Amino acid sequence: MHAVSSVTEPSLEETAAATPTPKIFQLYVHGDTKWTQDILGRVKQAGYAALALTVDVAHYSRRERPMLTRYQPPTRRVVPDRKHLASLTWESMDMIREIAGLPFMLKGVQTAEDAEIAVQHGVEVVYVSNHGGRQLDHGLGSTAVLPGIIEAIGKKAEVWVDGGYMRGSDIVKAMALGAKAVGLGRLTGLGLGAAGVPGLVRTLELLEDEIRICLGLLGVTSYAELTPAHLVAAPPANAPDTFSAFPLLTRL
């Protein structure tokens, strides 16, 4: 299932029409109520299956690697007005959820407190994310906060997670902790960048193979058999960096 952001290209309509598979629309609020109504109308017309409201970008972070390469994503080539993202409240979230009329998830949750409030407001999926580690260098990783959030809300809502998952074993760890789905972004981008569509397909094949190996060596036949007891805390083997899942790259 694809999660299509409102700050990506091509248009949400073109992406929706590209395949018959269900897609989630990930909304960044860059306008007033009228703007929000218009874009959500387009989302429903295009047939998106669910809406994810992004709430962890009240301010654009200092991303030093893009500064070094002088890369500017499309949304930064004209400086956006951040006041709408910065002024989101639980009440405005309720309004957006009502306008959309779609299965609703809140993306960017990083604390048990916010997860509990989200459930009280009827959020169906609490999406744990630290925006790929790009927003705040010293913030906790998604895997670190995931157990506390799951404990706080129990079965009142599904919990999804993303943020630096690069290996099949990473996905198995998240599922063992109680996540219902794991989002991928950087990994698929690396596969696509390395060899286009065939590279992306091969990346996903390798990922599936790693998952099967990990599950098999744990002695389980499905995600449903995983529990937190399959994990134990351990110190990192390598200093963390952008490509921590591929330590050999740091030696080239």
Protein backbone atom coordinates (compact mmCIF):
# COMPACT_ATOMS: atom_id res chain seq x y z
CA MET A 1 0.00 0.00 0.00
CA HIS A 2 1.35 3.41 -0.96
CA ALA A 3 1.26 6.52 1.23
CA VAL A 4 1.17 9.51 -1.10
CA SER A 5 2.22 12.83 0.40
CA SER A 6 0.65 16.14 -0.51
CA VAL A 7 4.17 17.57 -0.96
CA THR A 8 5.28 15.05 -3.60
CA GLU A 9 5.09 15.03 -7.37
CA PRO A 10 3.33 14.18 -9.69
CA SER A 11 -0.19 15.22 -8.69
CA LEU A 12 -2.30 13.15 -6.31
CA GLU A 13 -4.67 12.34 -9.20
CA GLU A 14 -1.89 11.05 -11.46
CA THR A 15 -0.49 8.85 -8.71
CA ALA A 16 -3.92 7.50 -7.78
CA ALA A 17 -4.57 6.55 -11.40
CA ALA A 18 -1.19 4.84 -11.87
CA THR A 19 -2.21 1.55 -10.20
CA PRO A 20 -5.44 -0.04 -8.92
CA THR A 21 -3.94 -0.70 -5.48
CA PRO A 22 -5.36 1.11 -2.40
CA LYS A 23 -3.50 4.25 -1.39
CA ILE A 24 -3.30 6.46 1.70
CA PHE A 25 -3.12 10.23 1.29
CA GLN A 26 -0.70 11.93 3.69
CA LEU A 27 -1.80 15.53 4.26
CA TYR A 28 0.46 18.47 5.06
CA VAL A 29 -1.79 21.42 5.88
CA HIS A 30 -0.47 24.35 3.84
CA GLY A 31 -3.62 26.45 3.71
CA ASP A 32 -6.79 27.59 5.42
CA THR A 33 -10.07 25.70 5.81
CA LYS A 34 -11.07 26.37 2.19
CA TRP A 35 -7.71 25.04 0.97
CA THR A 36 -8.14 21.94 3.14
CA GLN A 37 -11.67 21.32 1.88
CA ASP A 38 -10.52 21.61 -1.72
CA ILE A 39 -7.63 19.19 -1.44
CA LEU A 40 -9.66 16.66 0.56
CA GLY A 41 -12.36 16.83 -2.10
CA ARG A 42 -9.72 15.94 -4.69
CA VAL A 43 -8.46 13.11 -2.46
CA LYS A 44 -11.92 11.55 -2.19
CA GLN A 45 -12.64 12.05 -5.88
CA ALA A 46 -9.38 10.28 -6.75
CA GLY A 47 -10.39 7.27 -4.65
CA TYR A 48 -7.87 7.27 -1.81
CA ALA A 49 -8.64 4.65 0.85
CA ALA A 50 -7.57 6.59 3.95
CA LEU A 51 -6.18 9.90 5.21
CA ALA A 52 -3.05 10.45 7.32
CA LEU A 53 -2.64 13.88 8.89
CA THR A 54 1.01 14.84 9.36
CA VAL A 55 1.65 16.67 12.64
CA ASP A 56 5.43 16.63 13.19
CA VAL A 57 6.54 19.43 10.85
CA ALA A 58 5.47 22.61 12.63
CA HIS A 59 8.89 23.90 11.60
CA TYR A 60 11.23 22.70 8.85
CA SER A 61 14.30 21.10 10.39
CA ARG A 62 17.95 21.92 9.74
CA ARG A 63 18.94 19.20 7.27
CA GLU A 64 22.67 19.59 6.79
CA ARG A 65 23.26 16.87 4.18
CA PRO A 66 20.86 18.54 1.70
CA MET A 67 22.54 21.85 2.51
CA LEU A 68 25.90 20.38 1.47
CA THR A 69 24.52 19.12 -1.84
CA ARG A 70 22.44 22.30 -2.32
CA TYR A 71 19.40 20.12 -3.04
CA GLN A 72 16.01 21.76 -2.60
CA PRO A 73 12.88 19.60 -2.70
CA PRO A 74 10.01 21.00 -4.77
CA THR A 75 8.18 22.26 -1.69
CA ARG A 76 11.20 24.32 -0.58
CA ARG A 77 11.88 26.05 -3.88
CA VAL A 78 9.15 28.49 -2.92
CA VAL A 79 9.30 29.04 0.83
CA PRO A 80 5.99 27.72 2.22
CA ASP A 81 3.84 29.44 4.81
CA ARG A 82 4.29 27.22 7.88
CA LYS A 83 1.65 28.91 10.04
CA HIS A 84 -1.07 26.39 9.16
CA LEU A 85 1.07 23.39 10.13
CA ALA A 86 2.27 25.16 13.26
CA SER A 87 -1.25 26.06 14.38
CA LEU A 88 -2.80 22.59 14.17
CA THR A 89 -4.81 21.66 17.27
CA TRP A 90 -6.87 18.67 18.36
CA GLU A 91 -9.94 20.66 17.33
CA SER A 92 -8.64 21.38 13.83
CA MET A 93 -7.72 17.71 13.54
CA ASP A 94 -11.32 16.82 14.35
CA MET A 95 -12.51 19.19 11.62
CA ILE A 96 -10.15 17.67 9.04
CA ARG A 97 -11.22 14.16 10.01
CA GLU A 98 -14.89 15.10 9.61
CA ILE A 99 -14.34 16.78 6.23
CA ALA A 100 -12.41 13.78 4.91
CA GLY A 101 -14.93 11.14 5.97
CA LEU A 102 -12.22 8.50 5.46
CA PRO A 103 -10.44 6.03 7.76
CA PHE A 104 -8.16 8.37 9.69
CA MET A 105 -4.61 8.14 11.02
CA LEU A 106 -2.48 10.66 12.88
CA LYS A 107 1.14 10.59 11.64
CA GLY A 108 4.06 11.85 13.68
CA VAL A 109 2.99 10.72 17.16
CA GLN A 110 6.01 10.32 19.46
CA THR A 111 4.61 10.20 23.00
CA ALA A 112 2.20 8.01 24.92
CA GLU A 113 0.36 11.15 26.09
CA ASP A 114 -0.43 12.27 22.54
CA ALA A 115 -1.40 8.73 21.57
CA GLU A 116 -3.93 8.59 24.42
CA ILE A 117 -5.44 11.95 23.43
CA ALA A 118 -5.61 10.85 19.78
CA VAL A 119 -7.61 7.77 20.76
CA GLN A 120 -9.97 9.93 22.83
CA HIS A 121 -10.62 11.95 19.66
CA GLY A 122 -11.49 8.83 17.69
CA VAL A 123 -8.27 8.40 15.72
CA GLU A 124 -8.29 4.91 14.22
CA VAL A 125 -4.56 4.55 13.54
CA VAL A 126 -1.82 6.11 15.68
CA TYR A 127 1.14 6.42 13.32
CA VAL A 128 4.41 6.57 15.29
CA SER A 129 7.06 8.46 13.34
CA ASN A 130 10.04 10.75 13.85
CA HIS A 131 10.01 11.80 10.19
CA GLY A 132 12.89 9.54 9.25
CA GLY A 133 15.06 11.08 11.95
CA ARG A 134 15.24 14.32 9.97
CA GLN A 135 13.31 16.64 12.25
CA LEU A 136 15.27 16.63 15.51
CA ASP A 137 18.67 14.98 15.66
CA HIS A 138 18.51 14.09 19.35
CA GLY A 139 14.90 12.93 19.49
CA LEU A 140 14.14 9.33 20.39
CA GLY A 141 13.82 6.84 17.55
CA SER A 142 10.46 5.36 16.62
CA THR A 143 11.37 1.91 17.97
CA ALA A 144 12.32 3.44 21.32
CA VAL A 145 8.94 5.11 21.86
CA LEU A 146 6.81 2.38 20.25
CA PRO A 147 6.41 0.09 23.32
CA GLY A 148 5.20 2.91 25.59
CA ILE A 149 2.65 4.08 23.04
CA ILE A 150 1.30 0.57 22.49
CA GLU A 151 1.05 0.03 26.24
CA ALA A 152 -0.78 3.35 26.67
CA ILE A 153 -3.55 2.74 24.12
CA GLY A 154 -3.84 -1.04 24.14
CA LYS A 155 -6.26 -2.22 21.48
CA LYS A 156 -8.19 1.05 21.24
CA ALA A 157 -6.46 1.84 17.92
CA GLU A 158 -3.99 0.26 15.54
CA VAL A 159 -0.39 1.43 15.79
CA TRP A 160 1.72 1.87 12.66
CA VAL A 161 5.36 2.95 12.66
CA ASP A 162 8.12 4.22 10.39
CA GLY A 163 11.49 5.89 10.73
CA GLY A 164 14.69 4.28 9.48
CA TYR A 165 13.54 0.70 8.97
CA MET A 166 16.08 -0.71 6.50
CA ARG A 167 16.20 -4.48 7.03
CA GLY A 168 13.73 -7.34 7.20
CA SER A 169 14.83 -7.91 10.80
CA ASP A 170 13.96 -4.27 11.59
CA ILE A 171 10.39 -4.91 10.45
CA VAL A 172 10.18 -8.11 12.49
CA LYS A 173 11.31 -6.18 15.58
CA ALA A 174 8.60 -3.56 15.11
CA MET A 175 5.94 -6.21 14.61
CA ALA A 176 7.15 -8.10 17.70
CA LEU A 177 6.72 -4.91 19.73
CA GLY A 178 3.10 -4.69 18.58
CA ALA A 179 3.03 -2.54 15.43
CA LYS A 180 0.41 -3.53 12.84
CA ALA A 181 2.27 -2.04 9.86
CA VAL A 182 5.71 -0.63 9.07
CA GLY A 183 6.31 2.22 6.64
CA LEU A 184 9.32 2.39 4.32
CA GLY A 185 10.70 5.45 2.57
CA ARG A 186 14.48 5.80 2.39
CA LEU A 187 15.05 2.11 1.60
CA THR A 188 12.78 2.14 -1.42
CA GLY A 189 14.34 5.41 -2.56
CA LEU A 190 17.81 3.83 -2.44
CA GLY A 191 16.65 0.84 -4.50
CA LEU A 192 15.02 3.11 -7.07
CA GLY A 193 18.06 5.37 -7.23
CA ALA A 194 20.45 2.46 -7.67
CA ALA A 195 18.74 0.72 -10.58
CA GLY A 196 15.35 2.25 -11.34
CA VAL A 197 12.24 0.09 -11.18
CA PRO A 198 14.19 -3.21 -11.33
CA GLY A 199 16.31 -1.97 -8.41
CA LEU A 200 13.21 -1.18 -6.38
CA VAL A 201 11.67 -4.57 -7.13
CA ARG A 202 14.90 -6.33 -6.13
CA THR A 203 15.09 -4.29 -2.92
CA LEU A 204 11.61 -5.46 -1.93
CA GLU A 205 12.45 -9.05 -2.86
CA LEU A 206 15.50 -8.94 -0.60
CA LEU A 207 13.44 -7.38 2.17
CA GLU A 208 10.84 -10.15 1.95
CA ASP A 209 13.57 -12.79 1.99
CA GLU A 210 15.16 -11.25 5.09
CA ILE A 211 11.78 -11.24 6.85
CA ARG A 212 11.17 -14.91 6.02
CA ILE A 213 14.65 -15.87 7.25
CA CYS A 214 14.22 -13.91 10.49
CA LEU A 215 10.78 -15.39 11.22
CA GLY A 216 12.01 -18.88 10.44
CA LEU A 217 15.05 -18.60 12.70
CA LEU A 218 12.82 -17.31 15.50
CA GLY A 219 10.69 -20.42 15.10
CA VAL A 220 7.46 -18.65 14.13
CA THR A 221 5.31 -18.98 11.03
CA SER A 222 3.53 -15.61 11.11
CA TYR A 223 3.71 -12.13 12.58
CA ALA A 224 0.85 -13.08 14.91
CA GLU A 225 3.16 -15.42 16.81
CA LEU A 226 5.67 -12.67 17.59
CA THR A 227 5.79 -11.11 21.08
CA PRO A 228 8.11 -8.62 22.81
CA ALA A 229 9.76 -11.66 24.41
CA HIS A 230 11.49 -12.27 21.06
CA LEU A 231 13.56 -9.12 21.64
CA VAL A 232 16.30 -8.20 24.09
CA ALA A 233 18.02 -4.84 24.47
CA ALA A 234 21.61 -4.76 23.23
CA PRO A 235 24.22 -2.03 22.63
CA PRO A 236 24.66 -0.93 18.98
CA ALA A 237 27.36 -2.76 17.05
CA ASN A 238 28.24 0.33 15.01
CA ALA A 239 27.99 4.05 15.56
CA PRO A 240 24.61 5.16 14.13
CA ASP A 241 24.61 7.06 10.85
CA THR A 242 22.40 7.58 7.82
CA PHE A 243 23.30 4.18 6.40
CA SER A 244 23.56 2.22 9.64
CA ALA A 245 21.94 -0.82 8.04
CA PHE A 246 24.80 -0.96 5.51
CA PRO A 247 27.97 -0.49 7.59
CA LEU A 248 30.29 -1.49 4.72
CA LEU A 249 29.34 1.67 2.85
CA THR A 250 31.19 3.74 5.46
CA ARG A 251 34.45 1.99 4.49
CA LEU A 252 34.37 2.78 0.78
